[in-house]
Amino acid sequence: MRAVIAGPDDGELGHALETEGVELTTVDGVASRPALEDAAIHDADLFVLTDVGQATAIAVAKDVNPDVRVVVYDEDSIPEFARSQADLIVNPNVLDVSAVAEELAA
């Protein structure tokens, strides 16, 4: 499984995903179309967004790779326009990184 993660990873979800055997690419800075393409979003099975302030990246990821599963992992609310495009929205205060990574890698 391949995943692209965008946004700060203070909770270390990326590390937890790698522990579960997921091949991970990170987007440094803004998750723009070129940044997502450089991170190989076109081949990813999973797109993890940890900053709802970059919610427009969800539409970009889905445009490049319509089959990518989108997971939002942030304690802030996701804007309504992006909510329907996310497959899973998780508040880190409810589920920790190990539980989320285990479920996503299954």
PDB file of N, CA and C in Angstrom:
ATOM      1  N   MET A   1       0.841  -1.180   0.000  1.00  0.00           N
ATOM      2  CA  MET A   1       0.000   0.000   0.000  1.00  0.00           C
ATOM      3  C   MET A   1       0.883   1.240   0.000  1.00  0.00           C
ATOM      4  N   ARG A   2       0.470   2.231  -0.759  1.00  0.00           N
ATOM      5  CA  ARG A   2       1.195   3.492  -0.843  1.00  0.00           C
ATOM      6  C   ARG A   2       0.312   4.614  -0.326  1.00  0.00           C
ATOM      7  N   ALA A   3       0.912   5.524   0.451  1.00  0.00           N
ATOM      8  CA  ALA A   3       0.177   6.652   0.995  1.00  0.00           C
ATOM      9  C   ALA A   3       0.960   7.933   0.815  1.00  0.00           C
ATOM     10  N   VAL A   4       0.218   9.015   0.639  1.00  0.00           N
ATOM     11  CA  VAL A   4       0.788  10.357   0.615  1.00  0.00           C
ATOM     12  C   VAL A   4       0.174  11.087   1.798  1.00  0.00           C
ATOM     13  N   ILE A   5       1.012  11.741   2.597  1.00  0.00           N
ATOM     14  CA  ILE A   5       0.533  12.501   3.740  1.00  0.00           C
ATOM     15  C   ILE A   5       0.902  13.966   3.546  1.00  0.00           C
ATOM     16  N   ALA A   6      -0.076  14.832   3.794  1.00  0.00           N
ATOM     17  CA  ALA A   6       0.143  16.274   3.645  1.00  0.00           C
ATOM     18  C   ALA A   6      -0.301  16.968   4.926  1.00  0.00           C
ATOM     19  N   GLY A   7       0.505  17.927   5.336  1.00  0.00           N
ATOM     20  CA  GLY A   7       0.228  18.662   6.568  1.00  0.00           C
ATOM     21  C   GLY A   7       1.197  18.236   7.650  1.00  0.00           C
ATOM     22  N   PRO A   8       1.166  18.933   8.766  1.00  0.00           N
ATOM     23  CA  PRO A   8       2.075  18.588   9.863  1.00  0.00           C
ATOM     24  C   PRO A   8       1.733  17.214  10.430  1.00  0.00           C
ATOM     25  N   ASP A   9       2.736  16.508  10.828  1.00  0.00           N
ATOM     26  CA  ASP A   9       2.524  15.159  11.354  1.00  0.00           C
ATOM     27  C   ASP A   9       3.011  15.074  12.790  1.00  0.00           C
ATOM     28  N   ASP A  10       2.513  15.981  13.608  1.00  0.00           N
ATOM     29  CA  ASP A  10       2.929  16.031  15.010  1.00  0.00           C
ATOM     30  C   ASP A  10       2.560  14.756  15.760  1.00  0.00           C
ATOM     31  N   GLY A  11       1.463  14.151  15.390  1.00  0.00           N
ATOM     32  CA  GLY A  11       1.034  12.917  16.039  1.00  0.00           C
ATOM     33  C   GLY A  11       1.733  11.688  15.521  1.00  0.00           C
ATOM     34  N   GLU A  12       2.568  11.874  14.510  1.00  0.00           N
ATOM     35  CA  GLU A  12       3.367  10.801  13.914  1.00  0.00           C
ATOM     36  C   GLU A  12       2.530   9.692  13.294  1.00  0.00           C
ATOM     37  N   LEU A  13       1.452  10.083  12.625  1.00  0.00           N
ATOM     38  CA  LEU A  13       0.655   9.113  11.897  1.00  0.00           C
ATOM     39  C   LEU A  13       1.471   8.469  10.780  1.00  0.00           C
ATOM     40  N   GLY A  14       2.316   9.261  10.130  1.00  0.00           N
ATOM     41  CA  GLY A  14       3.172   8.716   9.074  1.00  0.00           C
ATOM     42  C   GLY A  14       4.052   7.590   9.569  1.00  0.00           C
ATOM     43  N   HIS A  15       4.663   7.790  10.709  1.00  0.00           N
ATOM     44  CA  HIS A  15       5.511   6.741  11.295  1.00  0.00           C
ATOM     45  C   HIS A  15       4.683   5.498  11.617  1.00  0.00           C
ATOM     46  N   ALA A  16       3.498   5.695  12.166  1.00  0.00           N
ATOM     47  CA  ALA A  16       2.623   4.570  12.492  1.00  0.00           C
ATOM     48  C   ALA A  16       2.208   3.811  11.229  1.00  0.00           C
ATOM     49  N   LEU A  17       1.948   4.537  10.143  1.00  0.00           N
ATOM     50  CA  LEU A  17       1.617   3.880   8.879  1.00  0.00           C
ATOM     51  C   LEU A  17       2.795   3.064   8.362  1.00  0.00           C
ATOM     52  N   GLU A  18       3.988   3.632   8.433  1.00  0.00           N
ATOM     53  CA  GLU A  18       5.183   2.896   7.997  1.00  0.00           C
ATOM     54  C   GLU A  18       5.389   1.640   8.839  1.00  0.00           C
ATOM     55  N   THR A  19       5.113   1.726  10.118  1.00  0.00           N
ATOM     56  CA  THR A  19       5.224   0.563  11.000  1.00  0.00           C
ATOM     57  C   THR A  19       4.269  -0.542  10.559  1.00  0.00           C
ATOM     58  N   GLU A  20       3.143  -0.144   9.990  1.00  0.00           N
ATOM     59  CA  GLU A  20       2.158  -1.106   9.488  1.00  0.00           C
ATOM     60  C   GLU A  20       2.493  -1.596   8.079  1.00  0.00           C
ATOM     61  N   GLY A  21       3.629  -1.162   7.523  1.00  0.00           N
ATOM     62  CA  GLY A  21       4.063  -1.624   6.211  1.00  0.00           C
ATOM     63  C   GLY A  21       3.624  -0.764   5.047  1.00  0.00           C
ATOM     64  N   VAL A  22       3.110   0.409   5.321  1.00  0.00           N
ATOM     65  CA  VAL A  22       2.666   1.322   4.261  1.00  0.00           C
ATOM     66  C   VAL A  22       3.861   2.119   3.755  1.00  0.00           C
ATOM     67  N   GLU A  23       4.022   2.171   2.442  1.00  0.00           N
ATOM     68  CA  GLU A  23       5.060   2.993   1.823  1.00  0.00           C
ATOM     69  C   GLU A  23       4.554   4.427   1.808  1.00  0.00           C
ATOM     70  N   LEU A  24       5.316   5.338   2.406  1.00  0.00           N
ATOM     71  CA  LEU A  24       4.830   6.687   2.647  1.00  0.00           C
ATOM     72  C   LEU A  24       5.662   7.739   1.928  1.00  0.00           C
ATOM     73  N   THR A  25       4.958   8.706   1.358  1.00  0.00           N
ATOM     74  CA  THR A  25       5.582   9.891   0.790  1.00  0.00           C
ATOM     75  C   THR A  25       4.936  11.093   1.461  1.00  0.00           C
ATOM     76  N   THR A  26       5.743  12.074   1.822  1.00  0.00           N
ATOM     77  CA  THR A  26       5.198  13.265   2.476  1.00  0.00           C
ATOM     78  C   THR A  26       5.284  14.465   1.546  1.00  0.00           C
ATOM     79  N   VAL A  27       4.331  15.366   1.725  1.00  0.00           N
ATOM     80  CA  VAL A  27       4.322  16.624   0.993  1.00  0.00           C
ATOM     81  C   VAL A  27       4.790  17.694   1.966  1.00  0.00           C
ATOM     82  N   ASP A  28       5.895  18.321   1.646  1.00  0.00           N
ATOM     83  CA  ASP A  28       6.393  19.417   2.474  1.00  0.00           C
ATOM     84  C   ASP A  28       5.765  20.715   1.993  1.00  0.00           C
ATOM     85  N   GLY A  29       5.266  21.498   2.929  1.00  0.00           N
ATOM     86  CA  GLY A  29       4.659  22.773   2.561  1.00  0.00           C
ATOM     87  C   GLY A  29       3.244  22.588   2.072  1.00  0.00           C
ATOM     88  N   VAL A  30       2.842  23.429   1.142  1.00  0.00           N
ATOM     89  CA  VAL A  30       1.475  23.438   0.629  1.00  0.00           C
ATOM     90  C   VAL A  30       1.259  22.253  -0.309  1.00  0.00           C
ATOM     91  N   ALA A  31       0.140  21.593  -0.142  1.00  0.00           N
ATOM     92  CA  ALA A  31      -0.190  20.430  -0.958  1.00  0.00           C
ATOM     93  C   ALA A  31      -0.846  20.872  -2.268  1.00  0.00           C
ATOM     94  N   SER A  32      -0.062  21.520  -3.094  1.00  0.00           N
ATOM     95  CA  SER A  32      -0.531  21.978  -4.406  1.00  0.00           C
ATOM     96  C   SER A  32      -0.508  20.804  -5.387  1.00  0.00           C
ATOM     97  N   ARG A  33      -1.085  21.013  -6.549  1.00  0.00           N
ATOM     98  CA  ARG A  33      -1.079  19.945  -7.558  1.00  0.00           C
ATOM     99  C   ARG A  33       0.351  19.490  -7.890  1.00  0.00           C
ATOM    100  N   PRO A  34       1.291  20.415  -8.173  1.00  0.00           N
ATOM    101  CA  PRO A  34       2.648  19.952  -8.460  1.00  0.00           C
ATOM    102  C   PRO A  34       3.274  19.190  -7.276  1.00  0.00           C
ATOM    103  N   ALA A  35       3.020  19.647  -6.064  1.00  0.00           N
ATOM    104  CA  ALA A  35       3.585  18.972  -4.889  1.00  0.00           C
ATOM    105  C   ALA A  35       2.990  17.569  -4.736  1.00  0.00           C
ATOM    106  N   LEU A  36       1.689  17.450  -4.951  1.00  0.00           N
ATOM    107  CA  LEU A  36       1.056  16.130  -4.867  1.00  0.00           C
ATOM    108  C   LEU A  36       1.530  15.210  -5.986  1.00  0.00           C
ATOM    109  N   GLU A  37       1.693  15.756  -7.176  1.00  0.00           N
ATOM    110  CA  GLU A  37       2.202  14.944  -8.281  1.00  0.00           C
ATOM    111  C   GLU A  37       3.630  14.502  -8.014  1.00  0.00           C
ATOM    112  N   ASP A  38       4.464  15.388  -7.453  1.00  0.00           N
ATOM    113  CA  ASP A  38       5.830  15.018  -7.091  1.00  0.00           C
ATOM    114  C   ASP A  38       5.851  13.926  -6.026  1.00  0.00           C
ATOM    115  N   ALA A  39       4.832  13.918  -5.179  1.00  0.00           N
ATOM    116  CA  ALA A  39       4.731  12.905  -4.118  1.00  0.00           C
ATOM    117  C   ALA A  39       4.092  11.613  -4.633  1.00  0.00           C
ATOM    118  N   ALA A  40       3.831  11.554  -5.921  1.00  0.00           N
ATOM    119  CA  ALA A  40       3.272  10.373  -6.592  1.00  0.00           C
ATOM    120  C   ALA A  40       1.846  10.062  -6.147  1.00  0.00           C
ATOM    121  N   ILE A  41       1.004  11.094  -6.042  1.00  0.00           N
ATOM    122  CA  ILE A  41      -0.392  10.877  -5.675  1.00  0.00           C
ATOM    123  C   ILE A  41      -1.103  10.006  -6.704  1.00  0.00           C
ATOM    124  N   HIS A  42      -0.640  10.040  -7.955  1.00  0.00           N
ATOM    125  CA  HIS A  42      -1.274   9.253  -9.010  1.00  0.00           C
ATOM    126  C   HIS A  42      -1.179   7.746  -8.764  1.00  0.00           C
ATOM    127  N   ASP A  43      -0.184   7.308  -7.964  1.00  0.00           N
ATOM    128  CA  ASP A  43      -0.009   5.890  -7.650  1.00  0.00           C
ATOM    129  C   ASP A  43      -0.442   5.535  -6.233  1.00  0.00           C
ATOM    130  N   ALA A  44      -0.906   6.506  -5.475  1.00  0.00           N
ATOM    131  CA  ALA A  44      -1.216   6.277  -4.060  1.00  0.00           C
ATOM    132  C   ALA A  44      -2.562   5.571  -3.877  1.00  0.00           C
ATOM    133  N   ASP A  45      -2.616   4.766  -2.835  1.00  0.00           N
ATOM    134  CA  ASP A  45      -3.864   4.130  -2.434  1.00  0.00           C
ATOM    135  C   ASP A  45      -4.600   5.001  -1.430  1.00  0.00           C
ATOM    136  N   LEU A  46      -3.822   5.853  -0.743  1.00  0.00           N
ATOM    137  CA  LEU A  46      -4.333   6.605   0.383  1.00  0.00           C
ATOM    138  C   LEU A  46      -3.746   8.008   0.399  1.00  0.00           C
ATOM    139  N   PHE A  47      -4.593   9.000   0.635  1.00  0.00           N
ATOM    140  CA  PHE A  47      -4.144  10.374   0.817  1.00  0.00           C
ATOM    141  C   PHE A  47      -4.586  10.807   2.205  1.00  0.00           C
ATOM    142  N   VAL A  48      -3.626  11.139   3.057  1.00  0.00           N
ATOM    143  CA  VAL A  48      -3.912  11.558   4.427  1.00  0.00           C
ATOM    144  C   VAL A  48      -3.631  13.051   4.541  1.00  0.00           C
ATOM    145  N   LEU A  49      -4.634  13.787   4.977  1.00  0.00           N
ATOM    146  CA  LEU A  49      -4.502  15.223   5.176  1.00  0.00           C
ATOM    147  C   LEU A  49      -4.603  15.523   6.663  1.00  0.00           C
ATOM    148  N   THR A  50      -3.583  16.190   7.197  1.00  0.00           N
ATOM    149  CA  THR A  50      -3.566  16.490   8.636  1.00  0.00           C
ATOM    150  C   THR A  50      -3.750  17.974   8.915  1.00  0.00           C
ATOM    151  N   ASP A  51      -4.150  18.722   7.915  1.00  0.00           N
ATOM    152  CA  ASP A  51      -4.369  20.154   8.072  1.00  0.00           C
ATOM    153  C   ASP A  51      -5.573  20.548   7.223  1.00  0.00           C
ATOM    154  N   VAL A  52      -6.725  20.720   7.865  1.00  0.00           N
ATOM    155  CA  VAL A  52      -7.939  21.046   7.107  1.00  0.00           C
ATOM    156  C   VAL A  52      -7.846  22.398   6.419  1.00  0.00           C
ATOM    157  N   GLY A  53      -6.864  23.201   6.784  1.00  0.00           N
ATOM    158  CA  GLY A  53      -6.623  24.455   6.088  1.00  0.00           C
ATOM    159  C   GLY A  53      -6.186  24.237   4.652  1.00  0.00           C
ATOM    160  N   GLN A  54      -5.780  23.016   4.336  1.00  0.00           N
ATOM    161  CA  GLN A  54      -5.383  22.654   2.975  1.00  0.00           C
ATOM    162  C   GLN A  54      -6.423  21.730   2.335  1.00  0.00           C
ATOM    163  N   ALA A  55      -7.663  21.889   2.708  1.00  0.00           N
ATOM    164  CA  ALA A  55      -8.730  20.994   2.244  1.00  0.00           C
ATOM    165  C   ALA A  55      -8.886  20.967   0.728  1.00  0.00           C
ATOM    166  N   THR A  56      -8.497  22.027   0.048  1.00  0.00           N
ATOM    167  CA  THR A  56      -8.590  22.016  -1.423  1.00  0.00           C
ATOM    168  C   THR A  56      -7.696  20.933  -2.025  1.00  0.00           C
ATOM    169  N   ALA A  57      -6.709  20.476  -1.282  1.00  0.00           N
ATOM    170  CA  ALA A  57      -5.829  19.406  -1.757  1.00  0.00           C
ATOM    171  C   ALA A  57      -6.597  18.103  -1.971  1.00  0.00           C
ATOM    172  N   ILE A  58      -7.707  17.941  -1.271  1.00  0.00           N
ATOM    173  CA  ILE A  58      -8.513  16.738  -1.442  1.00  0.00           C
ATOM    174  C   ILE A  58      -9.057  16.670  -2.867  1.00  0.00           C
ATOM    175  N   ALA A  59      -9.604  17.775  -3.349  1.00  0.00           N
ATOM    176  CA  ALA A  59     -10.137  17.813  -4.709  1.00  0.00           C
ATOM    177  C   ALA A  59      -9.032  17.579  -5.734  1.00  0.00           C
ATOM    178  N   VAL A  60      -7.875  18.141  -5.481  1.00  0.00           N
ATOM    179  CA  VAL A  60      -6.740  17.950  -6.387  1.00  0.00           C
ATOM    180  C   VAL A  60      -6.323  16.482  -6.405  1.00  0.00           C
ATOM    181  N   ALA A  61      -6.196  15.882  -5.228  1.00  0.00           N
ATOM    182  CA  ALA A  61      -5.801  14.472  -5.151  1.00  0.00           C
ATOM    183  C   ALA A  61      -6.803  13.585  -5.882  1.00  0.00           C
ATOM    184  N   LYS A  62      -8.087  13.858  -5.693  1.00  0.00           N
ATOM    185  CA  LYS A  62      -9.128  13.067  -6.362  1.00  0.00           C
ATOM    186  C   LYS A  62      -9.141  13.306  -7.873  1.00  0.00           C
ATOM    187  N   ASP A  63      -8.781  14.518  -8.305  1.00  0.00           N
ATOM    188  CA  ASP A  63      -8.707  14.810  -9.729  1.00  0.00           C
ATOM    189  C   ASP A  63      -7.582  14.016 -10.389  1.00  0.00           C
ATOM    190  N   VAL A  64      -6.451  13.940  -9.710  1.00  0.00           N
ATOM    191  CA  VAL A  64      -5.300  13.214 -10.245  1.00  0.00           C
ATOM    192  C   VAL A  64      -5.509  11.705 -10.127  1.00  0.00           C
ATOM    193  N   ASN A  65      -6.098  11.280  -9.016  1.00  0.00           N
ATOM    194  CA  ASN A  65      -6.269   9.855  -8.750  1.00  0.00           C
ATOM    195  C   ASN A  65      -7.670   9.629  -8.167  1.00  0.00           C
ATOM    196  N   PRO A  66      -8.673   9.421  -9.009  1.00  0.00           N
ATOM    197  CA  PRO A  66     -10.056   9.283  -8.535  1.00  0.00           C
ATOM    198  C   PRO A  66     -10.278   8.128  -7.562  1.00  0.00           C
ATOM    199  N   ASP A  67      -9.382   7.149  -7.573  1.00  0.00           N
ATOM    200  CA  ASP A  67      -9.551   5.974  -6.721  1.00  0.00           C
ATOM    201  C   ASP A  67      -8.873   6.096  -5.355  1.00  0.00           C
ATOM    202  N   VAL A  68      -8.145   7.185  -5.127  1.00  0.00           N
ATOM    203  CA  VAL A  68      -7.415   7.328  -3.862  1.00  0.00           C
ATOM    204  C   VAL A  68      -8.416   7.476  -2.711  1.00  0.00           C
ATOM    205  N   ARG A  69      -8.148   6.771  -1.612  1.00  0.00           N
ATOM    206  CA  ARG A  69      -8.957   6.938  -0.396  1.00  0.00           C
ATOM    207  C   ARG A  69      -8.430   8.146   0.348  1.00  0.00           C
ATOM    208  N   VAL A  70      -9.324   9.026   0.771  1.00  0.00           N
ATOM    209  CA  VAL A  70      -8.924  10.256   1.451  1.00  0.00           C
ATOM    210  C   VAL A  70      -9.284  10.157   2.932  1.00  0.00           C
ATOM    211  N   VAL A  71      -8.273  10.389   3.780  1.00  0.00           N
ATOM    212  CA  VAL A  71      -8.460  10.389   5.221  1.00  0.00           C
ATOM    213  C   VAL A  71      -8.026  11.742   5.753  1.00  0.00           C
ATOM    214  N   VAL A  72      -8.900  12.377   6.512  1.00  0.00           N
ATOM    215  CA  VAL A  72      -8.575  13.633   7.166  1.00  0.00           C
ATOM    216  C   VAL A  72      -8.349  13.315   8.634  1.00  0.00           C
ATOM    217  N   TYR A  73      -7.174  13.677   9.138  1.00  0.00           N
ATOM    218  CA  TYR A  73      -6.806  13.403  10.529  1.00  0.00           C
ATOM    219  C   TYR A  73      -6.419  14.724  11.171  1.00  0.00           C
ATOM    220  N   ASP A  74      -7.429  15.423  11.706  1.00  0.00           N
ATOM    221  CA  ASP A  74      -7.217  16.754  12.271  1.00  0.00           C
ATOM    222  C   ASP A  74      -8.322  17.017  13.283  1.00  0.00           C
ATOM    223  N   GLU A  75      -8.000  17.768  14.309  1.00  0.00           N
ATOM    224  CA  GLU A  75      -9.016  18.077  15.320  1.00  0.00           C
ATOM    225  C   GLU A  75      -9.944  19.210  14.891  1.00  0.00           C
ATOM    226  N   ASP A  76      -9.564  19.947  13.869  1.00  0.00           N
ATOM    227  CA  ASP A  76     -10.406  21.026  13.368  1.00  0.00           C
ATOM    228  C   ASP A  76     -11.441  20.475  12.384  1.00  0.00           C
ATOM    229  N   SER A  77     -12.520  21.193  12.207  1.00  0.00           N
ATOM    230  CA  SER A  77     -13.590  20.778  11.293  1.00  0.00           C
ATOM    231  C   SER A  77     -13.168  21.002   9.848  1.00  0.00           C
ATOM    232  N   ILE A  78     -13.510  20.059   9.031  1.00  0.00           N
ATOM    233  CA  ILE A  78     -13.209  20.167   7.601  1.00  0.00           C
ATOM    234  C   ILE A  78     -14.302  21.019   6.946  1.00  0.00           C
ATOM    235  N   PRO A  79     -13.938  21.891   6.009  1.00  0.00           N
ATOM    236  CA  PRO A  79     -14.944  22.701   5.316  1.00  0.00           C
ATOM    237  C   PRO A  79     -15.967  21.826   4.593  1.00  0.00           C
ATOM    238  N   GLU A  80     -17.169  22.301   4.524  1.00  0.00           N
ATOM    239  CA  GLU A  80     -18.263  21.536   3.929  1.00  0.00           C
ATOM    240  C   GLU A  80     -17.964  21.105   2.490  1.00  0.00           C
ATOM    241  N   PHE A  81     -17.322  21.981   1.705  1.00  0.00           N
ATOM    242  CA  PHE A  81     -17.059  21.652   0.296  1.00  0.00           C
ATOM    243  C   PHE A  81     -16.165  20.421   0.143  1.00  0.00           C
ATOM    244  N   ALA A  82     -15.351  20.123   1.140  1.00  0.00           N
ATOM    245  CA  ALA A  82     -14.431  18.987   1.051  1.00  0.00           C
ATOM    246  C   ALA A  82     -14.946  17.752   1.782  1.00  0.00           C
ATOM    247  N   ARG A  83     -15.906  17.941   2.642  1.00  0.00           N
ATOM    248  CA  ARG A  83     -16.416  16.845   3.476  1.00  0.00           C
ATOM    249  C   ARG A  83     -16.892  15.654   2.645  1.00  0.00           C
ATOM    250  N   SER A  84     -17.593  15.925   1.561  1.00  0.00           N
ATOM    251  CA  SER A  84     -18.143  14.827   0.755  1.00  0.00           C
ATOM    252  C   SER A  84     -17.069  14.051  -0.003  1.00  0.00           C
ATOM    253  N   GLN A  85     -15.899  14.635  -0.161  1.00  0.00           N
ATOM    254  CA  GLN A  85     -14.831  13.962  -0.897  1.00  0.00           C
ATOM    255  C   GLN A  85     -13.937  13.123   0.016  1.00  0.00           C
ATOM    256  N   ALA A  86     -14.062  13.314   1.314  1.00  0.00           N
ATOM    257  CA  ALA A  86     -13.253  12.547   2.261  1.00  0.00           C
ATOM    258  C   ALA A  86     -13.935  11.215   2.540  1.00  0.00           C
ATOM    259  N   ASP A  87     -13.148  10.159   2.542  1.00  0.00           N
ATOM    260  CA  ASP A  87     -13.689   8.833   2.839  1.00  0.00           C
ATOM    261  C   ASP A  87     -13.796   8.597   4.343  1.00  0.00           C
ATOM    262  N   LEU A  88     -12.898   9.241   5.090  1.00  0.00           N
ATOM    263  CA  LEU A  88     -12.862   9.071   6.535  1.00  0.00           C
ATOM    264  C   LEU A  88     -12.340  10.355   7.168  1.00  0.00           C
ATOM    265  N   ILE A  89     -13.025  10.816   8.201  1.00  0.00           N
ATOM    266  CA  ILE A  89     -12.599  12.003   8.936  1.00  0.00           C
ATOM    267  C   ILE A  89     -12.428  11.577  10.388  1.00  0.00           C
ATOM    268  N   VAL A  90     -11.202  11.747  10.909  1.00  0.00           N
ATOM    269  CA  VAL A  90     -10.886  11.269  12.248  1.00  0.00           C
ATOM    270  C   VAL A  90     -10.307  12.413  13.076  1.00  0.00           C
ATOM    271  N   ASN A  91     -10.835  12.565  14.275  1.00  0.00           N
ATOM    272  CA  ASN A  91     -10.294  13.529  15.223  1.00  0.00           C
ATOM    273  C   ASN A  91      -9.212  12.824  16.035  1.00  0.00           C
ATOM    274  N   PRO A  92      -7.979  13.347  16.048  1.00  0.00           N
ATOM    275  CA  PRO A  92      -6.894  12.694  16.777  1.00  0.00           C
ATOM    276  C   PRO A  92      -7.135  12.617  18.286  1.00  0.00           C
ATOM    277  N   ASN A  93      -8.071  13.408  18.786  1.00  0.00           N
ATOM    278  CA  ASN A  93      -8.407  13.335  20.207  1.00  0.00           C
ATOM    279  C   ASN A  93      -9.293  12.133  20.514  1.00  0.00           C
ATOM    280  N   VAL A  94      -9.831  11.515  19.474  1.00  0.00           N
ATOM    281  CA  VAL A  94     -10.720  10.370  19.648  1.00  0.00           C
ATOM    282  C   VAL A  94      -9.982   9.051  19.391  1.00  0.00           C
ATOM    283  N   LEU A  95      -9.205   9.007  18.328  1.00  0.00           N
ATOM    284  CA  LEU A  95      -8.438   7.800  17.990  1.00  0.00           C
ATOM    285  C   LEU A  95      -6.966   8.153  17.839  1.00  0.00           C
ATOM    286  N   ASP A  96      -6.114   7.362  18.464  1.00  0.00           N
ATOM    287  CA  ASP A  96      -4.683   7.639  18.365  1.00  0.00           C
ATOM    288  C   ASP A  96      -4.110   7.079  17.062  1.00  0.00           C
ATOM    289  N   VAL A  97      -2.888   7.473  16.787  1.00  0.00           N
ATOM    290  CA  VAL A  97      -2.258   7.136  15.494  1.00  0.00           C
ATOM    291  C   VAL A  97      -2.134   5.632  15.263  1.00  0.00           C
ATOM    292  N   SER A  98      -1.840   4.881  16.289  1.00  0.00           N
ATOM    293  CA  SER A  98      -1.654   3.443  16.091  1.00  0.00           C
ATOM    294  C   SER A  98      -2.972   2.768  15.670  1.00  0.00           C
ATOM    295  N   ALA A  99      -4.086   3.160  16.279  1.00  0.00           N
ATOM    296  CA  ALA A  99      -5.380   2.594  15.911  1.00  0.00           C
ATOM    297  C   ALA A  99      -5.755   2.978  14.479  1.00  0.00           C
ATOM    298  N   VAL A 100      -5.534   4.234  14.127  1.00  0.00           N
ATOM    299  CA  VAL A 100      -5.856   4.706  12.782  1.00  0.00           C
ATOM    300  C   VAL A 100      -4.971   4.000  11.753  1.00  0.00           C
ATOM    301  N   ALA A 101      -3.691   3.934  12.007  1.00  0.00           N
ATOM    302  CA  ALA A 101      -2.764   3.285  11.066  1.00  0.00           C
ATOM    303  C   ALA A 101      -3.100   1.820  10.879  1.00  0.00           C
ATOM    304  N   GLU A 102      -3.407   1.138  11.954  1.00  0.00           N
ATOM    305  CA  GLU A 102      -3.765  -0.274  11.867  1.00  0.00           C
ATOM    306  C   GLU A 102      -5.006  -0.483  10.999  1.00  0.00           C
ATOM    307  N   GLU A 103      -6.005   0.362  11.195  1.00  0.00           N
ATOM    308  CA  GLU A 103      -7.241   0.257  10.415  1.00  0.00           C
ATOM    309  C   GLU A 103      -7.004   0.594   8.945  1.00  0.00           C
ATOM    310  N   LEU A 104      -6.223   1.631   8.675  1.00  0.00           N
ATOM    311  CA  LEU A 104      -5.971   2.039   7.288  1.00  0.00           C
ATOM    312  C   LEU A 104      -5.135   1.016   6.529  1.00  0.00           C
ATOM    313  N   ALA A 105      -4.218   0.368   7.205  1.00  0.00           N
ATOM    314  CA  ALA A 105      -3.325  -0.591   6.550  1.00  0.00           C
ATOM    315  C   ALA A 105      -3.995  -1.950   6.343  1.00  0.00           C
ATOM    316  N   ALA A 106      -5.122  -2.172   6.992  1.00  0.00           N
ATOM    317  CA  ALA A 106      -5.801  -3.485   6.892  1.00  0.00           C
ATOM    318  C   ALA A 106      -6.419  -3.698   5.534  1.00  0.00           C
TER     319      ALA A 106
END
